[in-house]
């Protein structure tokens, strides 16, 4: 299998040359990127309702902040925009 082909299909990781360590690293990276490991860690123990509310509110605030920062960065990185401060 060459690098042009997909290394995984639907969370199935292909083992190349009996290299289990690299396949495990790839699987952990995929699961971490999709948030499955975080969900597993959260559901291992009981989460009290106030902790659940705090976590959800924190995640909402973080998502709003990240979206706002992405918007600002896209605006700054934009080319051919008019000068926001004419005369300076």
Protein backbone atom coordinates (compact mmCIF):
# COMPACT_ATOMS: atom_id res chain seq x y z
CA UNK A 1 0.00 0.00 0.00
CA UNK A 2 1.46 3.35 -0.98
CA UNK A 3 0.96 6.76 0.55
CA UNK A 4 -1.55 7.64 -2.17
CA UNK A 5 -4.08 5.27 -0.65
CA UNK A 6 -6.12 5.92 2.46
CA UNK A 7 -4.55 4.77 5.70
CA UNK A 8 -7.96 4.04 7.17
CA UNK A 9 -11.53 3.41 6.06
CA UNK A 10 -14.36 3.98 8.57
CA UNK A 11 -12.10 3.61 11.63
CA UNK A 12 -10.48 0.47 10.26
CA UNK A 13 -6.73 0.92 10.27
CA UNK A 14 -4.58 -0.95 7.78
CA UNK A 15 -1.43 -2.51 9.25
CA UNK A 16 1.51 -2.02 6.93
CA UNK A 17 4.49 -4.42 7.07
CA UNK A 18 3.29 -5.89 10.42
CA UNK A 19 4.00 -2.54 12.09
CA UNK A 20 1.44 -2.62 14.90
CA UNK A 21 2.84 0.42 16.74
CA UNK A 22 2.29 2.79 13.82
CA UNK A 23 -1.21 1.39 13.26
CA UNK A 24 -2.06 1.95 16.94
CA UNK A 25 -0.75 5.52 16.77
CA UNK A 26 -2.85 6.18 13.68
CA UNK A 27 -5.95 4.69 15.29
CA UNK A 28 -5.46 6.77 18.46
CA UNK A 29 -5.01 9.91 16.34
CA UNK A 30 -8.20 9.19 14.41
CA UNK A 31 -10.21 8.46 17.55
CA UNK A 32 -8.83 11.55 19.27
CA UNK A 33 -9.64 13.79 16.31
CA UNK A 34 -13.23 12.54 16.22
CA UNK A 35 -13.68 13.03 19.96
CA UNK A 36 -14.37 9.38 20.75
CA UNK A 37 -11.57 9.14 23.33
CA UNK A 38 -12.86 12.23 25.15
CA UNK A 39 -16.36 10.79 25.25
CA UNK A 40 -15.01 7.49 26.57
CA UNK A 41 -13.06 9.27 29.31
CA UNK A 42 -16.13 11.29 30.27
CA UNK A 43 -18.40 8.27 30.56
CA UNK A 44 -16.02 6.12 32.62
CA UNK A 45 -17.20 7.82 35.81
CA UNK A 46 -20.43 9.44 36.86
CA UNK A 47 -20.52 13.15 36.15
CA UNK A 48 -22.55 15.17 38.62
CA UNK A 49 -25.22 17.41 37.10
CA UNK A 50 -23.47 20.64 38.11
CA UNK A 51 -20.22 19.37 36.55
CA UNK A 52 -22.12 18.47 33.40
CA UNK A 53 -23.61 21.97 33.22
CA UNK A 54 -20.23 23.58 33.81
CA UNK A 55 -18.57 21.45 31.13
CA UNK A 56 -21.31 22.12 28.57
CA UNK A 57 -21.22 25.88 29.27
CA UNK A 58 -17.43 25.85 28.98
CA UNK A 59 -17.61 23.99 25.65
CA UNK A 60 -20.20 26.48 24.34
CA UNK A 61 -18.05 29.45 25.38
CA UNK A 62 -14.98 27.86 23.84
CA UNK A 63 -16.82 27.20 20.56
CA UNK A 64 -18.06 30.81 20.42
CA UNK A 65 -14.57 32.13 21.15
CA UNK A 66 -12.95 29.88 18.54
CA UNK A 67 -15.53 30.85 15.92
CA UNK A 68 -15.00 34.55 16.66
CA UNK A 69 -11.21 34.22 16.49
CA UNK A 70 -11.43 32.28 13.21
CA UNK A 71 -13.61 35.04 11.77
CA UNK A 72 -11.14 37.72 12.89
CA UNK A 73 -8.17 35.80 11.52
CA UNK A 74 -9.93 35.29 8.17
CA UNK A 75 -10.64 39.03 8.05
CA UNK A 76 -7.03 39.95 8.79
CA UNK A 77 -5.64 37.42 6.30
CA UNK A 78 -7.95 38.64 3.53
CA UNK A 79 -6.24 40.30 0.59
CA UNK A 80 -7.37 43.33 -1.42
CA UNK A 81 -9.53 44.74 1.37
CA UNK A 82 -10.05 48.46 1.69
CA UNK A 83 -7.94 50.29 4.22
CA UNK A 84 -9.88 50.27 7.49
CA UNK A 85 -8.11 53.44 8.71
CA UNK A 86 -7.85 55.85 5.74
CA UNK A 87 -5.59 58.83 6.27
CA UNK A 88 -3.13 57.20 8.66
